[in-house]
Amino acid sequence: MLHKKYVIRTSLLLVLVAISLVSYRVISFLQGAAAIEQEWKAYKPNPIVNFGSTKSLSILPLVNWHTDNDALKGEAGVSYLIKTDNKAILFDVGFNKNQESPSPLEHNMKQLAVTLDSIDTIFMSHAHLDHSGGQQWVNKNTFSIGLEQTDLTGKDIYAPTHTTYPNNKVNVIPEATISAQG
């Protein structure tokens, strides 16, 4: 009988501790979410004056979840080629979830006759695995187009957070910025 009471009391104590821990986590999460929401509401980005213009603009999806072309590879990642009058911008580099060589991005670039030589600028929107070439690159504060980091000498590279790339300067621009004119 004494043993049964001990087991019941211990079980109740463990349930109370578990409820307390879960409650603490929920309250902490809600407080954090409220703080982030308040910070976002207070955020006022600096307006860009003299934004400029372009006569031509094309956006070619290089990697996306779905494709209507059997020759292209789709994946849960994103990469676009953005062309203006005088710039070709690679916007993100996809995921390469299955660690393929060539990566889905490299494969699709070849299928669409897009070469790295034709790209002036690389812009990384944010450091998530589906935009940076995989988690292994995010963990190293970098990105990769394929399994190995390709030589990107001569290309302008931009990212909103601290990012590195071998033998290249990565321009960190956390605010809206004009990166090229004309």
Protein backbone atom coordinates (compact mmCIF):
# COMPACT_ATOMS: atom_id res chain seq x y z
CA MET A 1 0.00 0.00 0.00
CA LEU A 2 2.82 2.41 0.90
CA HIS A 3 4.60 1.57 -2.36
CA LYS A 4 1.43 2.30 -4.37
CA LYS A 5 1.06 5.75 -2.72
CA TYR A 6 4.72 6.50 -3.48
CA VAL A 7 4.25 5.55 -7.16
CA ILE A 8 1.10 7.70 -7.42
CA ARG A 9 2.78 10.71 -5.75
CA THR A 10 5.88 10.34 -7.92
CA SER A 11 3.75 10.05 -11.05
CA LEU A 12 1.73 13.14 -10.09
CA LEU A 13 4.93 15.05 -9.37
CA LEU A 14 6.36 14.07 -12.79
CA VAL A 15 3.13 15.13 -14.52
CA LEU A 16 3.23 18.49 -12.72
CA VAL A 17 6.88 19.01 -13.67
CA ALA A 18 6.09 18.14 -17.30
CA ILE A 19 3.12 20.52 -17.36
CA SER A 20 5.29 23.25 -15.83
CA LEU A 21 8.04 22.75 -18.42
CA VAL A 22 5.59 22.76 -21.33
CA SER A 23 3.86 25.85 -19.92
CA TYR A 24 7.21 27.61 -19.55
CA ARG A 25 8.14 26.78 -23.18
CA VAL A 26 4.76 27.95 -24.51
CA ILE A 27 4.91 31.21 -22.53
CA SER A 28 8.53 31.82 -23.63
CA PHE A 29 7.59 31.17 -27.26
CA LEU A 30 4.58 33.51 -27.08
CA GLN A 31 6.65 36.25 -25.44
CA GLY A 32 9.35 35.86 -28.10
CA ALA A 33 6.76 35.91 -30.88
CA ALA A 34 5.17 39.03 -29.41
CA ALA A 35 8.57 40.75 -29.18
CA ILE A 36 9.37 39.89 -32.80
CA GLU A 37 5.94 41.11 -33.93
CA GLN A 38 6.43 44.38 -32.03
CA GLU A 39 9.90 44.83 -33.55
CA TRP A 40 8.53 44.16 -37.05
CA LYS A 41 5.71 46.70 -36.57
CA ALA A 42 8.23 49.31 -35.44
CA TYR A 43 10.64 48.63 -38.33
CA LYS A 44 10.73 51.45 -40.84
CA PRO A 45 13.13 50.76 -43.72
CA ASN A 46 14.87 53.69 -45.29
CA PRO A 47 13.22 54.55 -48.59
CA ILE A 48 15.32 54.23 -51.71
CA VAL A 49 15.37 57.47 -53.66
CA ASN A 50 16.27 57.59 -57.35
CA PHE A 51 15.52 53.90 -57.70
CA GLY A 52 16.41 53.90 -61.40
CA SER A 53 14.78 52.02 -64.23
CA THR A 54 15.36 49.33 -66.80
CA LYS A 55 13.93 48.88 -70.27
CA SER A 56 14.00 45.11 -70.12
CA LEU A 57 13.51 42.62 -67.33
CA SER A 58 13.27 38.85 -67.50
CA ILE A 59 13.05 36.32 -64.71
CA LEU A 60 13.88 32.71 -65.52
CA PRO A 61 13.21 30.11 -62.80
CA LEU A 62 16.24 27.84 -62.68
CA VAL A 63 15.16 25.79 -59.65
CA ASN A 64 11.68 25.50 -58.23
CA TRP A 65 9.51 22.84 -56.62
CA HIS A 66 7.67 21.96 -59.83
CA THR A 67 8.58 21.99 -63.48
CA ASP A 68 6.48 21.43 -66.57
CA ASN A 69 9.55 20.35 -68.55
CA ASP A 70 10.72 16.75 -68.05
CA ALA A 71 14.27 17.76 -69.01
CA LEU A 72 14.48 20.01 -65.90
CA LYS A 73 14.84 18.96 -62.26
CA GLY A 74 12.50 20.34 -59.63
CA GLU A 75 13.24 20.43 -55.92
CA ALA A 76 12.25 22.16 -52.70
CA GLY A 77 14.66 24.97 -53.41
CA VAL A 78 14.75 28.27 -55.24
CA SER A 79 17.00 29.86 -57.84
CA TYR A 80 16.20 32.45 -60.51
CA LEU A 81 18.13 34.17 -63.26
CA ILE A 82 17.14 37.84 -63.37
CA LYS A 83 18.22 39.79 -66.44
CA THR A 84 18.01 43.55 -66.90
CA ASP A 85 19.36 45.84 -69.61
CA ASN A 86 22.95 45.23 -68.55
CA LYS A 87 22.99 42.76 -65.64
CA ALA A 88 22.44 39.04 -65.17
CA ILE A 89 21.77 38.16 -61.53
CA LEU A 90 21.69 34.66 -60.08
CA PHE A 91 19.19 34.94 -57.23
CA ASP A 92 19.80 32.07 -54.77
CA VAL A 93 21.25 28.66 -55.65
CA GLY A 94 18.62 26.08 -54.68
CA PHE A 95 18.94 23.17 -52.24
CA ASN A 96 20.61 20.11 -53.80
CA LYS A 97 18.92 18.02 -51.12
CA ASN A 98 20.11 14.72 -52.60
CA GLN A 99 23.72 15.94 -52.95
CA GLU A 100 23.71 15.30 -56.69
CA SER A 101 26.46 16.11 -59.12
CA PRO A 102 25.51 17.99 -61.14
CA SER A 103 23.15 19.70 -58.70
CA PRO A 104 19.62 20.46 -59.90
CA LEU A 105 20.76 24.06 -60.48
CA GLU A 106 23.79 23.01 -62.54
CA HIS A 107 21.67 20.50 -64.48
CA ASN A 108 18.94 23.05 -65.25
CA MET A 109 21.45 25.76 -66.17
CA LYS A 110 22.96 23.40 -68.75
CA GLN A 111 19.52 22.45 -70.10
CA LEU A 112 18.57 26.14 -70.40
CA ALA A 113 21.94 27.18 -71.89
CA VAL A 114 22.81 29.41 -68.94
CA THR A 115 26.51 29.59 -68.13
CA LEU A 116 28.27 31.02 -65.10
CA ASP A 117 30.21 33.25 -67.50
CA SER A 118 26.93 34.95 -68.44
CA ILE A 119 26.19 35.87 -64.80
CA ASP A 120 27.52 39.16 -63.36
CA THR A 121 26.05 39.09 -59.88
CA ILE A 122 24.99 36.54 -57.29
CA PHE A 123 22.45 37.59 -54.72
CA MET A 124 21.64 35.40 -51.74
CA SER A 125 18.24 36.34 -50.32
CA HIS A 126 18.76 34.63 -46.95
CA ALA A 127 20.75 31.84 -45.33
CA HIS A 128 18.32 28.93 -45.51
CA LEU A 129 19.31 25.52 -46.82
CA ASP A 130 16.84 25.64 -49.73
CA HIS A 131 18.38 28.87 -51.04
CA SER A 132 22.08 28.26 -50.25
CA GLY A 133 22.81 24.81 -51.67
CA GLY A 134 22.16 22.80 -48.51
CA GLN A 135 22.55 22.87 -44.73
CA GLN A 136 26.28 22.06 -44.85
CA TRP A 137 26.90 25.42 -46.58
CA VAL A 138 24.58 27.37 -44.27
CA ASN A 139 26.48 25.93 -41.28
CA LYS A 140 29.68 27.42 -42.77
CA ASN A 141 28.09 30.85 -43.53
CA THR A 142 28.50 30.32 -47.25
CA PHE A 143 26.70 28.81 -50.26
CA SER A 144 27.44 26.57 -53.20
CA ILE A 145 26.04 26.04 -56.68
CA GLY A 146 27.00 22.33 -56.59
CA LEU A 147 28.77 19.78 -54.43
CA GLU A 148 31.98 21.84 -54.59
CA GLN A 149 32.28 25.62 -54.48
CA THR A 150 32.87 26.89 -58.01
CA ASP A 151 35.30 29.70 -58.82
CA LEU A 152 33.22 32.89 -58.87
CA THR A 153 36.08 35.33 -59.42
CA GLY A 154 34.93 38.60 -60.93
CA LYS A 155 31.32 38.26 -59.83
CA ASP A 156 29.64 40.67 -57.44
CA ILE A 157 28.15 38.72 -54.52
CA TYR A 158 25.56 40.13 -52.12
CA ALA A 159 23.95 38.69 -48.99
CA PRO A 160 21.88 40.20 -46.16
CA THR A 161 23.93 38.53 -43.40
CA HIS A 162 27.57 37.63 -42.81
CA THR A 163 28.48 35.28 -45.66
CA THR A 164 31.82 34.20 -47.05
CA TYR A 165 32.94 32.67 -50.33
CA PRO A 166 36.46 31.47 -51.25
CA ASN A 167 38.55 34.13 -53.01
CA ASN A 168 35.60 36.55 -53.22
CA LYS A 169 34.32 39.49 -51.26
CA VAL A 170 30.68 39.09 -50.22
CA ASN A 171 28.95 42.45 -49.84
CA VAL A 172 26.70 42.31 -46.78
CA ILE A 173 23.64 44.51 -47.30
CA PRO A 174 21.03 44.06 -44.56
CA GLU A 175 18.91 46.98 -45.85
CA ALA A 176 17.37 47.65 -49.24
CA THR A 177 20.22 48.93 -51.41
CA ILE A 178 20.84 49.89 -55.00
CA SER A 179 23.54 47.48 -56.13
CA ALA A 180 23.93 48.67 -59.73
CA GLN A 181 22.82 51.62 -61.85
CA GLY A 182 22.48 52.15 -65.52
